[in-house]
């Protein structure tokens, strides 16, 4: 059956055209091998990637504003490796006609690509994870029943080798889609090298402590509001739980097919502290010969933005809220492990993605 567009009411025309536009956008995301929603793209070194910059995290929601340009805002080769513009994302272009961002990956590393309006305002940003890592093969069974399959490395990590600073990965404030650099070394307090001179942390208030502000300012670290210890300002000891959830949202930082785990447990079986590598070694519950490395990457403070506990404590986010806090896996150099630890959402911590 064929439907004549000019035979239906004007408001119906609008709904049909909107549906067609969303379908076409979804096909573009499919061309980039992305399942909606996803705000992180995994790309092999030297490979090409195309995605629709008019969609927020490849969801059904469109960006607020008219995209006219796109660019790379920062790049990092991880830890102490020096990097210059073009090393991680070799080229990037944007088509105003189609809304498509096209890029070519360089060497392994992480980058942020953003789309802007005519005034240079960032409308949305995406994490580009350039790596040879295949999470479908490099994963492990975390639970005894086989229901929880996890990546064998931190989000943004460029290694899974014990003691390697490239295994530290990136840091995230709870509920934010955009990453911050992890530590420089397994026992350091400085951030990994990037091409960006990062802005100073900003205090959360009724203007800065909003999702909209972080959308326009993805590289600004927000110091928490004392009322709820969250970067999202409420002015009271109450929380918003819609940013990360058990069902993946457009603010979830994990790539397609993966999400922030609901549970705070990320370690495998029989975890043991590795004093030399500064982290936990555990075992894949599906294969006892498969050892899993989980570094004690520490955290970034929501009070002043400094790094703490690097090489001594591991903190791994879960999407599940605990009152004004959020659940987190905690382990430390003394061998203590707590999968139900309630963490302040204004801190930045590691993420280890779980298979959807």
C-alpha atoms as a PDB file:
ATOM      1  CA  UNK A   1       0.000   0.000   0.000  1.00  0.00           C
ATOM      2  CA  UNK A   2       1.311   3.464  -0.878  1.00  0.00           C
ATOM      3  CA  UNK A   3       0.514   6.528   1.195  1.00  0.00           C
ATOM      4  CA  UNK A   4       0.222   9.864  -0.545  1.00  0.00           C
ATOM      5  CA  UNK A   5       1.888  12.466   1.686  1.00  0.00           C
ATOM      6  CA  UNK A   6      -0.179  15.290   0.177  1.00  0.00           C
ATOM      7  CA  UNK A   7      -3.433  13.502   1.074  1.00  0.00           C
ATOM      8  CA  UNK A   8      -2.996  13.709   4.853  1.00  0.00           C
ATOM      9  CA  UNK A   9      -3.405  16.660   7.221  1.00  0.00           C
ATOM     10  CA  UNK A  10      -0.490  19.064   7.626  1.00  0.00           C
ATOM     11  CA  UNK A  11       0.279  17.958  11.196  1.00  0.00           C
ATOM     12  CA  UNK A  12       0.338  14.348   9.992  1.00  0.00           C
ATOM     13  CA  UNK A  13       2.837  15.381   7.293  1.00  0.00           C
ATOM     14  CA  UNK A  14       5.085  16.772   9.980  1.00  0.00           C
ATOM     15  CA  UNK A  15       4.923  13.555  12.015  1.00  0.00           C
ATOM     16  CA  UNK A  16       5.673  11.434   8.962  1.00  0.00           C
ATOM     17  CA  UNK A  17       8.621  13.550   7.903  1.00  0.00           C
ATOM     18  CA  UNK A  18       9.951  13.474  11.463  1.00  0.00           C
ATOM     19  CA  UNK A  19       9.651   9.687  11.548  1.00  0.00           C
ATOM     20  CA  UNK A  20      11.437   9.391   8.188  1.00  0.00           C
ATOM     21  CA  UNK A  21      14.219  11.702   9.376  1.00  0.00           C
ATOM     22  CA  UNK A  22      14.725   9.625  12.511  1.00  0.00           C
ATOM     23  CA  UNK A  23      14.763   6.420  10.478  1.00  0.00           C
ATOM     24  CA  UNK A  24      17.400   7.820   8.136  1.00  0.00           C
ATOM     25  CA  UNK A  25      19.449   8.994  11.110  1.00  0.00           C
ATOM     26  CA  UNK A  26      19.239   5.529  12.640  1.00  0.00           C
ATOM     27  CA  UNK A  27      20.470   4.046   9.369  1.00  0.00           C
ATOM     28  CA  UNK A  28      23.453   6.386   9.478  1.00  0.00           C
ATOM     29  CA  UNK A  29      24.219   5.200  13.002  1.00  0.00           C
ATOM     30  CA  UNK A  30      23.909   1.650  11.728  1.00  0.00           C
ATOM     31  CA  UNK A  31      26.416   2.520   9.014  1.00  0.00           C
ATOM     32  CA  UNK A  32      28.822   3.333  11.845  1.00  0.00           C
ATOM     33  CA  UNK A  33      27.876  -0.039  13.429  1.00  0.00           C
ATOM     34  CA  UNK A  34      26.277   1.693  16.409  1.00  0.00           C
ATOM     35  CA  UNK A  35      23.208   0.564  18.341  1.00  0.00           C
ATOM     36  CA  UNK A  36      21.273   3.421  19.907  1.00  0.00           C
ATOM     37  CA  UNK A  37      22.039   5.027  22.211  1.00  0.00           C
ATOM     38  CA  UNK A  38      25.840   5.288  22.271  1.00  0.00           C
ATOM     39  CA  UNK A  39      28.064   8.279  22.898  1.00  0.00           C
ATOM     40  CA  UNK A  40      31.397   6.469  22.580  1.00  0.00           C
ATOM     41  CA  UNK A  41      32.731   5.152  19.276  1.00  0.00           C
ATOM     42  CA  UNK A  42      35.406   2.455  19.188  1.00  0.00           C
ATOM     43  CA  UNK A  43      37.541   2.835  16.054  1.00  0.00           C
ATOM     44  CA  UNK A  44      40.576   0.855  14.961  1.00  0.00           C
ATOM     45  CA  UNK A  45      43.747   2.832  14.156  1.00  0.00           C
ATOM     46  CA  UNK A  46      43.633   4.046  10.551  1.00  0.00           C
ATOM     47  CA  UNK A  47      39.926   3.191  10.150  1.00  0.00           C
ATOM     48  CA  UNK A  48      37.185   5.588   9.064  1.00  0.00           C
ATOM     49  CA  UNK A  49      33.992   6.456  10.935  1.00  0.00           C
ATOM     50  CA  UNK A  50      30.801   8.277   9.980  1.00  0.00           C
ATOM     51  CA  UNK A  51      27.933   9.209  12.288  1.00  0.00           C
ATOM     52  CA  UNK A  52      25.010  11.615  12.442  1.00  0.00           C
ATOM     53  CA  UNK A  53      25.939  14.711  14.443  1.00  0.00           C
ATOM     54  CA  UNK A  54      22.297  15.821  14.625  1.00  0.00           C
ATOM     55  CA  UNK A  55      21.474  13.073  17.138  1.00  0.00           C
ATOM     56  CA  UNK A  56      22.317  13.200  20.828  1.00  0.00           C
ATOM     57  CA  UNK A  57      24.428  10.135  21.451  1.00  0.00           C
ATOM     58  CA  UNK A  58      22.821   8.273  18.536  1.00  0.00           C
ATOM     59  CA  UNK A  59      19.512   8.398  20.393  1.00  0.00           C
ATOM     60  CA  UNK A  60      16.192   9.561  18.966  1.00  0.00           C
ATOM     61  CA  UNK A  61      16.749  13.042  20.413  1.00  0.00           C
ATOM     62  CA  UNK A  62      18.128  15.741  18.135  1.00  0.00           C
ATOM     63  CA  UNK A  63      20.710  18.311  19.198  1.00  0.00           C
ATOM     64  CA  UNK A  64      19.462  21.694  20.382  1.00  0.00           C
ATOM     65  CA  UNK A  65      20.510  24.134  17.681  1.00  0.00           C
ATOM     66  CA  UNK A  66      21.771  24.020  14.110  1.00  0.00           C
ATOM     67  CA  UNK A  67      25.145  22.262  13.605  1.00  0.00           C
ATOM     68  CA  UNK A  68      27.432  24.084  11.181  1.00  0.00           C
ATOM     69  CA  UNK A  69      30.894  22.727  12.012  1.00  0.00           C
ATOM     70  CA  UNK A  70      32.720  19.971  13.882  1.00  0.00           C
ATOM     71  CA  UNK A  71      36.195  19.534  15.259  1.00  0.00           C
ATOM     72  CA  UNK A  72      38.508  17.678  17.610  1.00  0.00           C
ATOM     73  CA  UNK A  73      38.717  19.300  21.048  1.00  0.00           C
ATOM     74  CA  UNK A  74      41.328  17.119  22.691  1.00  0.00           C
ATOM     75  CA  UNK A  75      43.419  14.028  22.075  1.00  0.00           C
ATOM     76  CA  UNK A  76      45.444  11.785  24.366  1.00  0.00           C
ATOM     77  CA  UNK A  77      47.743   8.826  23.821  1.00  0.00           C
ATOM     78  CA  UNK A  78      47.350   7.941  27.493  1.00  0.00           C
ATOM     79  CA  UNK A  79      49.443   8.343  30.641  1.00  0.00           C
ATOM     80  CA  UNK A  80      52.898   9.892  30.083  1.00  0.00           C
ATOM     81  CA  UNK A  81      52.822   9.651  26.279  1.00  0.00           C
ATOM     82  CA  UNK A  82      53.172  13.010  24.549  1.00  0.00           C
ATOM     83  CA  UNK A  83      50.632  13.720  21.819  1.00  0.00           C
ATOM     84  CA  UNK A  84      50.030  16.435  19.257  1.00  0.00           C
ATOM     85  CA  UNK A  85      46.882  17.369  17.298  1.00  0.00           C
ATOM     86  CA  UNK A  86      46.135  14.861  14.567  1.00  0.00           C
ATOM     87  CA  UNK A  87      47.852  11.914  16.232  1.00  0.00           C
ATOM     88  CA  UNK A  88      44.643  10.215  17.439  1.00  0.00           C
ATOM     89  CA  UNK A  89      42.082  11.659  14.991  1.00  0.00           C
ATOM     90  CA  UNK A  90      43.969  12.226  11.763  1.00  0.00           C
ATOM     91  CA  UNK A  91      41.160  14.105  10.015  1.00  0.00           C
ATOM     92  CA  UNK A  92      37.564  15.178  10.616  1.00  0.00           C
ATOM     93  CA  UNK A  93      34.954  16.839   8.411  1.00  0.00           C
ATOM     94  CA  UNK A  94      31.313  17.826   8.714  1.00  0.00           C
ATOM     95  CA  UNK A  95      28.567  18.084   6.091  1.00  0.00           C
ATOM     96  CA  UNK A  96      25.936  20.733   6.773  1.00  0.00           C
ATOM     97  CA  UNK A  97      23.732  19.127   4.119  1.00  0.00           C
ATOM     98  CA  UNK A  98      23.632  15.636   5.649  1.00  0.00           C
ATOM     99  CA  UNK A  99      24.681  16.374   9.242  1.00  0.00           C
ATOM    100  CA  UNK A 100      27.346  13.665   9.006  1.00  0.00           C
ATOM    101  CA  UNK A 101      30.689  13.786  10.788  1.00  0.00           C
ATOM    102  CA  UNK A 102      33.370  11.828   8.907  1.00  0.00           C
ATOM    103  CA  UNK A 103      36.702  11.081  10.542  1.00  0.00           C
ATOM    104  CA  UNK A 104      39.806   8.997  10.052  1.00  0.00           C
ATOM    105  CA  UNK A 105      41.486   7.530  13.111  1.00  0.00           C
ATOM    106  CA  UNK A 106      45.220   7.854  13.650  1.00  0.00           C
ATOM    107  CA  UNK A 107      47.123   5.921  16.303  1.00  0.00           C
ATOM    108  CA  UNK A 108      45.712   4.419  19.504  1.00  0.00           C
ATOM    109  CA  UNK A 109      44.347   6.849  22.053  1.00  0.00           C
ATOM    110  CA  UNK A 110      41.280   8.832  23.076  1.00  0.00           C
ATOM    111  CA  UNK A 111      39.758  12.011  21.713  1.00  0.00           C
ATOM    112  CA  UNK A 112      36.676  14.200  21.952  1.00  0.00           C
ATOM    113  CA  UNK A 113      34.884  15.335  18.807  1.00  0.00           C
ATOM    114  CA  UNK A 114      32.178  17.985  19.041  1.00  0.00           C
ATOM    115  CA  UNK A 115      29.699  19.714  16.766  1.00  0.00           C
ATOM    116  CA  UNK A 116      29.119  23.480  17.013  1.00  0.00           C
ATOM    117  CA  UNK A 117      26.565  26.073  15.966  1.00  0.00           C
ATOM    118  CA  UNK A 118      27.362  29.257  14.033  1.00  0.00           C
ATOM    119  CA  UNK A 119      28.426  31.022  17.251  1.00  0.00           C
ATOM    120  CA  UNK A 120      30.919  28.320  18.195  1.00  0.00           C
ATOM    121  CA  UNK A 121      28.741  26.837  20.934  1.00  0.00           C
ATOM    122  CA  UNK A 122      29.166  23.095  21.460  1.00  0.00           C
ATOM    123  CA  UNK A 123      25.861  21.359  20.758  1.00  0.00           C
ATOM    124  CA  UNK A 124      27.025  17.815  21.529  1.00  0.00           C
ATOM    125  CA  UNK A 125      30.263  15.901  21.957  1.00  0.00           C
ATOM    126  CA  UNK A 126      31.393  12.299  21.490  1.00  0.00           C
ATOM    127  CA  UNK A 127      34.227  10.192  22.867  1.00  0.00           C
ATOM    128  CA  UNK A 128      36.382   8.549  20.191  1.00  0.00           C
ATOM    129  CA  UNK A 129      38.247   5.511  21.537  1.00  0.00           C
ATOM    130  CA  UNK A 130      40.900   4.523  18.978  1.00  0.00           C
ATOM    131  CA  UNK A 131      41.996   0.987  19.794  1.00  0.00           C
ATOM    132  CA  UNK A 132      42.569  -2.493  18.384  1.00  0.00           C
ATOM    133  CA  UNK A 133      40.758  -3.908  21.395  1.00  0.00           C
ATOM    134  CA  UNK A 134      37.762  -6.116  20.582  1.00  0.00           C
ATOM    135  CA  UNK A 135      35.484  -6.220  23.661  1.00  0.00           C
ATOM    136  CA  UNK A 136      33.605  -9.185  22.222  1.00  0.00           C
ATOM    137  CA  UNK A 137      36.763 -11.255  22.661  1.00  0.00           C
ATOM    138  CA  UNK A 138      38.485  -9.405  25.503  1.00  0.00           C
ATOM    139  CA  UNK A 139      35.840  -9.870  28.184  1.00  0.00           C
ATOM    140  CA  UNK A 140      35.129 -11.968  31.248  1.00  0.00           C
ATOM    141  CA  UNK A 141      32.264 -13.501  33.195  1.00  0.00           C
ATOM    142  CA  UNK A 142      31.967 -11.517  36.406  1.00  0.00           C
ATOM    143  CA  UNK A 143      29.141 -13.430  38.119  1.00  0.00           C
ATOM    144  CA  UNK A 144      28.700 -17.104  38.902  1.00  0.00           C
ATOM    145  CA  UNK A 145      25.571 -17.512  36.740  1.00  0.00           C
ATOM    146  CA  UNK A 146      27.011 -16.035  33.557  1.00  0.00           C
ATOM    147  CA  UNK A 147      24.612 -13.108  33.399  1.00  0.00           C
ATOM    148  CA  UNK A 148      27.257 -10.378  33.737  1.00  0.00           C
ATOM    149  CA  UNK A 149      29.882 -10.100  31.001  1.00  0.00           C
ATOM    150  CA  UNK A 150      32.355  -7.239  31.365  1.00  0.00           C
ATOM    151  CA  UNK A 151      35.112  -5.639  29.324  1.00  0.00           C
ATOM    152  CA  UNK A 152      38.521  -6.790  30.540  1.00  0.00           C
ATOM    153  CA  UNK A 153      39.743  -3.200  30.806  1.00  0.00           C
ATOM    154  CA  UNK A 154      38.613   0.236  31.919  1.00  0.00           C
ATOM    155  CA  UNK A 155      36.707   2.518  29.587  1.00  0.00           C
ATOM    156  CA  UNK A 156      39.287   4.390  27.507  1.00  0.00           C
ATOM    157  CA  UNK A 157      42.174   2.117  28.564  1.00  0.00           C
ATOM    158  CA  UNK A 158      44.850   1.334  25.993  1.00  0.00           C
ATOM    159  CA  UNK A 159      46.145  -1.745  27.794  1.00  0.00           C
ATOM    160  CA  UNK A 160      45.005  -4.501  30.158  1.00  0.00           C
ATOM    161  CA  UNK A 161      48.522  -5.300  31.371  1.00  0.00           C
ATOM    162  CA  UNK A 162      49.084  -5.306  35.158  1.00  0.00           C
ATOM    163  CA  UNK A 163      50.989  -2.239  36.308  1.00  0.00           C
ATOM    164  CA  UNK A 164      50.823  -0.512  32.933  1.00  0.00           C
ATOM    165  CA  UNK A 165      49.658   3.119  33.333  1.00  0.00           C
ATOM    166  CA  UNK A 166      47.889   2.816  29.967  1.00  0.00           C
ATOM    167  CA  UNK A 167      45.465   0.452  31.745  1.00  0.00           C
ATOM    168  CA  UNK A 168      44.183   3.250  34.006  1.00  0.00           C
ATOM    169  CA  UNK A 169      41.685   4.545  31.451  1.00  0.00           C
ATOM    170  CA  UNK A 170      39.521   7.663  31.761  1.00  0.00           C
ATOM    171  CA  UNK A 171      37.539   9.209  34.630  1.00  0.00           C
ATOM    172  CA  UNK A 172      33.849  10.127  34.740  1.00  0.00           C
ATOM    173  CA  UNK A 173      31.688  12.168  37.060  1.00  0.00           C
ATOM    174  CA  UNK A 174      28.539  10.148  37.761  1.00  0.00           C
ATOM    175  CA  UNK A 175      25.885  10.786  35.118  1.00  0.00           C
ATOM    176  CA  UNK A 176      28.149  12.614  32.652  1.00  0.00           C
ATOM    177  CA  UNK A 177      28.848  11.239  29.188  1.00  0.00           C
ATOM    178  CA  UNK A 178      32.165  13.008  28.609  1.00  0.00           C
ATOM    179  CA  UNK A 179      35.449  11.721  30.069  1.00  0.00           C
ATOM    180  CA  UNK A 180      38.315  13.398  31.873  1.00  0.00           C
ATOM    181  CA  UNK A 181      41.933  12.228  31.644  1.00  0.00           C
ATOM    182  CA  UNK A 182      43.008   9.552  34.066  1.00  0.00           C
ATOM    183  CA  UNK A 183      46.223   9.723  36.104  1.00  0.00           C
ATOM    184  CA  UNK A 184      49.677  10.118  34.595  1.00  0.00           C
ATOM    185  CA  UNK A 185      51.080   7.011  36.302  1.00  0.00           C
ATOM    186  CA  UNK A 186      50.031   4.169  38.614  1.00  0.00           C
ATOM    187  CA  UNK A 187      51.179   6.160  41.649  1.00  0.00           C
ATOM    188  CA  UNK A 188      50.910   9.759  40.419  1.00  0.00           C
ATOM    189  CA  UNK A 189      48.598  12.671  41.082  1.00  0.00           C
ATOM    190  CA  UNK A 190      48.774  14.459  37.739  1.00  0.00           C
ATOM    191  CA  UNK A 191      46.548  13.897  34.710  1.00  0.00           C
ATOM    192  CA  UNK A 192      47.663  12.080  31.574  1.00  0.00           C
ATOM    193  CA  UNK A 193      49.045  14.178  28.734  1.00  0.00           C
ATOM    194  CA  UNK A 194      46.516  15.614  26.276  1.00  0.00           C
ATOM    195  CA  UNK A 195      46.476  18.297  23.593  1.00  0.00           C
ATOM    196  CA  UNK A 196      44.148  20.483  25.665  1.00  0.00           C
ATOM    197  CA  UNK A 197      44.982  22.974  28.371  1.00  0.00           C
ATOM    198  CA  UNK A 198      42.077  21.980  30.551  1.00  0.00           C
ATOM    199  CA  UNK A 199      40.001  24.720  32.173  1.00  0.00           C
ATOM    200  CA  UNK A 200      40.052  25.091  35.940  1.00  0.00           C
ATOM    201  CA  UNK A 201      37.293  23.286  37.860  1.00  0.00           C
ATOM    202  CA  UNK A 202      34.138  25.332  38.392  1.00  0.00           C
ATOM    203  CA  UNK A 203      31.840  25.291  41.422  1.00  0.00           C
ATOM    204  CA  UNK A 204      28.375  23.857  40.867  1.00  0.00           C
ATOM    205  CA  UNK A 205      25.524  26.328  41.282  1.00  0.00           C
ATOM    206  CA  UNK A 206      22.112  26.970  39.771  1.00  0.00           C
ATOM    207  CA  UNK A 207      23.759  28.084  36.494  1.00  0.00           C
ATOM    208  CA  UNK A 208      26.725  25.724  36.093  1.00  0.00           C
ATOM    209  CA  UNK A 209      25.310  22.649  37.806  1.00  0.00           C
ATOM    210  CA  UNK A 210      22.955  21.641  35.014  1.00  0.00           C
ATOM    211  CA  UNK A 211      22.978  19.000  32.295  1.00  0.00           C
ATOM    212  CA  UNK A 212      22.670  21.782  29.727  1.00  0.00           C
ATOM    213  CA  UNK A 213      25.825  23.480  31.034  1.00  0.00           C
ATOM    214  CA  UNK A 214      27.824  20.237  30.787  1.00  0.00           C
ATOM    215  CA  UNK A 215      26.537  19.773  27.260  1.00  0.00           C
ATOM    216  CA  UNK A 216      27.983  23.156  26.243  1.00  0.00           C
ATOM    217  CA  UNK A 217      31.088  22.746  28.431  1.00  0.00           C
ATOM    218  CA  UNK A 218      32.097  19.067  28.290  1.00  0.00           C
ATOM    219  CA  UNK A 219      35.680  19.726  29.416  1.00  0.00           C
ATOM    220  CA  UNK A 220      34.735  21.640  32.590  1.00  0.00           C
ATOM    221  CA  UNK A 221      35.063  19.639  35.798  1.00  0.00           C
ATOM    222  CA  UNK A 222      32.310  20.661  38.200  1.00  0.00           C
ATOM    223  CA  UNK A 223      33.018  20.793  41.927  1.00  0.00           C
ATOM    224  CA  UNK A 224      30.153  19.358  43.889  1.00  0.00           C
ATOM    225  CA  UNK A 225      27.327  21.199  45.586  1.00  0.00           C
ATOM    226  CA  UNK A 226      27.670  20.641  49.343  1.00  0.00           C
ATOM    227  CA  UNK A 227      23.929  20.018  49.730  1.00  0.00           C
ATOM    228  CA  UNK A 228      24.035  16.711  47.848  1.00  0.00           C
ATOM    229  CA  UNK A 229      27.725  16.162  46.943  1.00  0.00           C
ATOM    230  CA  UNK A 230      26.736  16.034  43.283  1.00  0.00           C
ATOM    231  CA  UNK A 231      27.882  18.121  40.337  1.00  0.00           C
ATOM    232  CA  UNK A 232      24.198  18.459  39.421  1.00  0.00           C
ATOM    233  CA  UNK A 233      22.906  21.340  41.490  1.00  0.00           C
ATOM    234  CA  UNK A 234      19.675  20.916  43.422  1.00  0.00           C
ATOM    235  CA  UNK A 235      20.304  23.221  46.383  1.00  0.00           C
ATOM    236  CA  UNK A 236      18.972  20.523  48.700  1.00  0.00           C
ATOM    237  CA  UNK A 237      19.923  16.986  49.843  1.00  0.00           C
ATOM    238  CA  UNK A 238      17.998  15.423  46.954  1.00  0.00           C
ATOM    239  CA  UNK A 239      19.221  13.742  43.802  1.00  0.00           C
ATOM    240  CA  UNK A 240      18.295  13.227  40.172  1.00  0.00           C
ATOM    241  CA  UNK A 241      18.569   9.604  39.025  1.00  0.00           C
ATOM    242  CA  UNK A 242      17.794   9.937  35.327  1.00  0.00           C
ATOM    243  CA  UNK A 243      21.290  10.503  33.919  1.00  0.00           C
ATOM    244  CA  UNK A 244      22.555   6.911  34.221  1.00  0.00           C
ATOM    245  CA  UNK A 245      20.170   4.018  34.713  1.00  0.00           C
ATOM    246  CA  UNK A 246      19.807   0.248  34.387  1.00  0.00           C
ATOM    247  CA  UNK A 247      18.402   0.887  30.907  1.00  0.00           C
ATOM    248  CA  UNK A 248      21.077   2.682  28.916  1.00  0.00           C
ATOM    249  CA  UNK A 249      20.584   6.428  28.445  1.00  0.00           C
ATOM    250  CA  UNK A 250      22.110   8.888  25.973  1.00  0.00           C
ATOM    251  CA  UNK A 251      24.409  10.087  28.776  1.00  0.00           C
ATOM    252  CA  UNK A 252      25.877   6.625  29.337  1.00  0.00           C
ATOM    253  CA  UNK A 253      29.584   6.802  28.370  1.00  0.00           C
ATOM    254  CA  UNK A 254      29.985   3.192  27.175  1.00  0.00           C
ATOM    255  CA  UNK A 255      30.115   2.229  23.465  1.00  0.00           C
ATOM    256  CA  UNK A 256      27.374   0.443  21.540  1.00  0.00           C
ATOM    257  CA  UNK A 257      26.267  -2.829  23.106  1.00  0.00           C
ATOM    258  CA  UNK A 258      27.772  -1.944  26.485  1.00  0.00           C
ATOM    259  CA  UNK A 259      26.692   0.189  29.440  1.00  0.00           C
ATOM    260  CA  UNK A 260      27.624   1.285  32.957  1.00  0.00           C
ATOM    261  CA  UNK A 261      26.883  -1.750  35.175  1.00  0.00           C
ATOM    262  CA  UNK A 262      23.909  -1.663  37.518  1.00  0.00           C
ATOM    263  CA  UNK A 263      25.826  -3.593  40.167  1.00  0.00           C
ATOM    264  CA  UNK A 264      28.890  -2.196  41.925  1.00  0.00           C
ATOM    265  CA  UNK A 265      30.821  -5.439  41.465  1.00  0.00           C
ATOM    266  CA  UNK A 266      33.455  -5.533  38.723  1.00  0.00           C
ATOM    267  CA  UNK A 267      36.037  -7.970  40.123  1.00  0.00           C
ATOM    268  CA  UNK A 268      36.131 -11.606  39.069  1.00  0.00           C
ATOM    269  CA  UNK A 269      36.658 -14.602  41.330  1.00  0.00           C
ATOM    270  CA  UNK A 270      39.357 -14.827  44.026  1.00  0.00           C
ATOM    271  CA  UNK A 271      40.619 -11.225  43.833  1.00  0.00           C
ATOM    272  CA  UNK A 272      44.114 -10.651  45.189  1.00  0.00           C
ATOM    273  CA  UNK A 273      45.981  -7.381  45.674  1.00  0.00           C
ATOM    274  CA  UNK A 274      49.053  -6.993  43.454  1.00  0.00           C
ATOM    275  CA  UNK A 275      51.425  -4.681  45.327  1.00  0.00           C
ATOM    276  CA  UNK A 276      53.847  -4.346  42.427  1.00  0.00           C
ATOM    277  CA  UNK A 277      51.236  -3.558  39.775  1.00  0.00           C
ATOM    278  CA  UNK A 278      48.991  -1.643  42.218  1.00  0.00           C
ATOM    279  CA  UNK A 279      45.671  -3.225  41.524  1.00  0.00           C
ATOM    280  CA  UNK A 280      43.596  -6.388  41.826  1.00  0.00           C
ATOM    281  CA  UNK A 281      44.136  -9.625  39.932  1.00  0.00           C
ATOM    282  CA  UNK A 282      41.027 -11.811  39.747  1.00  0.00           C
ATOM    283  CA  UNK A 283      39.812 -14.765  37.697  1.00  0.00           C
ATOM    284  CA  UNK A 284      37.253 -15.091  34.922  1.00  0.00           C
ATOM    285  CA  UNK A 285      34.453 -17.201  36.387  1.00  0.00           C
ATOM    286  CA  UNK A 286      34.067 -18.958  33.035  1.00  0.00           C
ATOM    287  CA  UNK A 287      37.784 -19.710  32.613  1.00  0.00           C
ATOM    288  CA  UNK A 288      40.068 -20.090  35.626  1.00  0.00           C
ATOM    289  CA  UNK A 289      43.157 -19.610  33.438  1.00  0.00           C
ATOM    290  CA  UNK A 290      41.986 -16.153  32.367  1.00  0.00           C
ATOM    291  CA  UNK A 291      43.316 -13.523  34.771  1.00  0.00           C
ATOM    292  CA  UNK A 292      41.683 -10.087  34.962  1.00  0.00           C
ATOM    293  CA  UNK A 293      43.572  -6.919  35.840  1.00  0.00           C
ATOM    294  CA  UNK A 294      41.728  -4.112  37.618  1.00  0.00           C
ATOM    295  CA  UNK A 295      43.959  -1.138  38.453  1.00  0.00           C
ATOM    296  CA  UNK A 296      43.677   1.005  41.566  1.00  0.00           C
ATOM    297  CA  UNK A 297      43.235   4.150  39.499  1.00  0.00           C
ATOM    298  CA  UNK A 298      42.080   6.276  42.427  1.00  0.00           C
ATOM    299  CA  UNK A 299      39.664   9.159  41.902  1.00  0.00           C
ATOM    300  CA  UNK A 300      39.389  12.864  41.204  1.00  0.00           C
ATOM    301  CA  UNK A 301      38.015  14.869  44.096  1.00  0.00           C
ATOM    302  CA  UNK A 302      34.715  16.705  43.812  1.00  0.00           C
ATOM    303  CA  UNK A 303      35.947  19.184  46.413  1.00  0.00           C
ATOM    304  CA  UNK A 304      38.957  20.630  44.587  1.00  0.00           C
ATOM    305  CA  UNK A 305      39.440  18.538  41.437  1.00  0.00           C
ATOM    306  CA  UNK A 306      42.736  16.972  42.528  1.00  0.00           C
ATOM    307  CA  UNK A 307      43.638  13.294  42.118  1.00  0.00           C
ATOM    308  CA  UNK A 308      43.681  11.033  45.147  1.00  0.00           C
ATOM    309  CA  UNK A 309      44.201   7.395  46.090  1.00  0.00           C
ATOM    310  CA  UNK A 310      46.052   6.563  42.857  1.00  0.00           C
ATOM    311  CA  UNK A 311      47.801   3.226  43.266  1.00  0.00           C
ATOM    312  CA  UNK A 312      46.019   2.586  46.570  1.00  0.00           C
ATOM    313  CA  UNK A 313      42.265   2.575  45.879  1.00  0.00           C
ATOM    314  CA  UNK A 314      40.052   1.410  43.049  1.00  0.00           C
ATOM    315  CA  UNK A 315      36.629   3.023  42.580  1.00  0.00           C
ATOM    316  CA  UNK A 316      34.347   1.780  39.798  1.00  0.00           C
ATOM    317  CA  UNK A 317      30.983   3.382  39.081  1.00  0.00           C
ATOM    318  CA  UNK A 318      27.650   1.604  38.898  1.00  0.00           C
ATOM    319  CA  UNK A 319      24.476   3.182  37.533  1.00  0.00           C
ATOM    320  CA  UNK A 320      22.450   2.313  40.639  1.00  0.00           C
ATOM    321  CA  UNK A 321      21.770   5.247  42.992  1.00  0.00           C
ATOM    322  CA  UNK A 322      21.995   5.033  46.776  1.00  0.00           C
ATOM    323  CA  UNK A 323      19.987   7.984  48.087  1.00  0.00           C
ATOM    324  CA  UNK A 324      22.085  11.035  47.100  1.00  0.00           C
ATOM    325  CA  UNK A 325      25.067   8.765  46.433  1.00  0.00           C
ATOM    326  CA  UNK A 326      25.706   6.178  43.735  1.00  0.00           C
ATOM    327  CA  UNK A 327      26.859   2.597  44.093  1.00  0.00           C
ATOM    328  CA  UNK A 328      30.527   1.948  43.453  1.00  0.00           C
ATOM    329  CA  UNK A 329      32.998  -0.930  43.696  1.00  0.00           C
ATOM    330  CA  UNK A 330      35.727  -0.089  46.204  1.00  0.00           C
ATOM    331  CA  UNK A 331      38.925  -2.024  46.832  1.00  0.00           C
ATOM    332  CA  UNK A 332      42.191  -0.955  48.420  1.00  0.00           C
ATOM    333  CA  UNK A 333      45.839  -1.849  48.974  1.00  0.00           C
ATOM    334  CA  UNK A 334      45.000  -3.698  52.184  1.00  0.00           C
ATOM    335  CA  UNK A 335      42.777  -6.120  50.272  1.00  0.00           C
ATOM    336  CA  UNK A 336      39.452  -4.670  51.432  1.00  0.00           C
ATOM    337  CA  UNK A 337      36.605  -5.031  48.922  1.00  0.00           C
ATOM    338  CA  UNK A 338      33.173  -3.405  49.008  1.00  0.00           C
ATOM    339  CA  UNK A 339      30.749  -3.791  46.098  1.00  0.00           C
ATOM    340  CA  UNK A 340      28.036  -1.672  47.690  1.00  0.00           C
ATOM    341  CA  UNK A 341      30.089   1.390  48.514  1.00  0.00           C
ATOM    342  CA  UNK A 342      28.095   4.617  48.303  1.00  0.00           C
ATOM    343  CA  UNK A 343      30.145   7.273  46.492  1.00  0.00           C
ATOM    344  CA  UNK A 344      29.673  11.013  46.065  1.00  0.00           C
ATOM    345  CA  UNK A 345      28.492  11.691  42.526  1.00  0.00           C
ATOM    346  CA  UNK A 346      30.625  14.791  42.187  1.00  0.00           C
ATOM    347  CA  UNK A 347      33.841  12.757  42.227  1.00  0.00           C
ATOM    348  CA  UNK A 348      35.294  11.328  39.019  1.00  0.00           C
ATOM    349  CA  UNK A 349      35.976   7.608  38.964  1.00  0.00           C
ATOM    350  CA  UNK A 350      36.688   4.709  36.630  1.00  0.00           C
ATOM    351  CA  UNK A 351      34.080   2.901  34.534  1.00  0.00           C
ATOM    352  CA  UNK A 352      34.209  -0.733  33.447  1.00  0.00           C
ATOM    353  CA  UNK A 353      31.446  -1.447  30.945  1.00  0.00           C
ATOM    354  CA  UNK A 354      29.099  -4.428  31.075  1.00  0.00           C
ATOM    355  CA  UNK A 355      27.508  -6.115  28.063  1.00  0.00           C
ATOM    356  CA  UNK A 356      23.873  -5.089  27.488  1.00  0.00           C
END
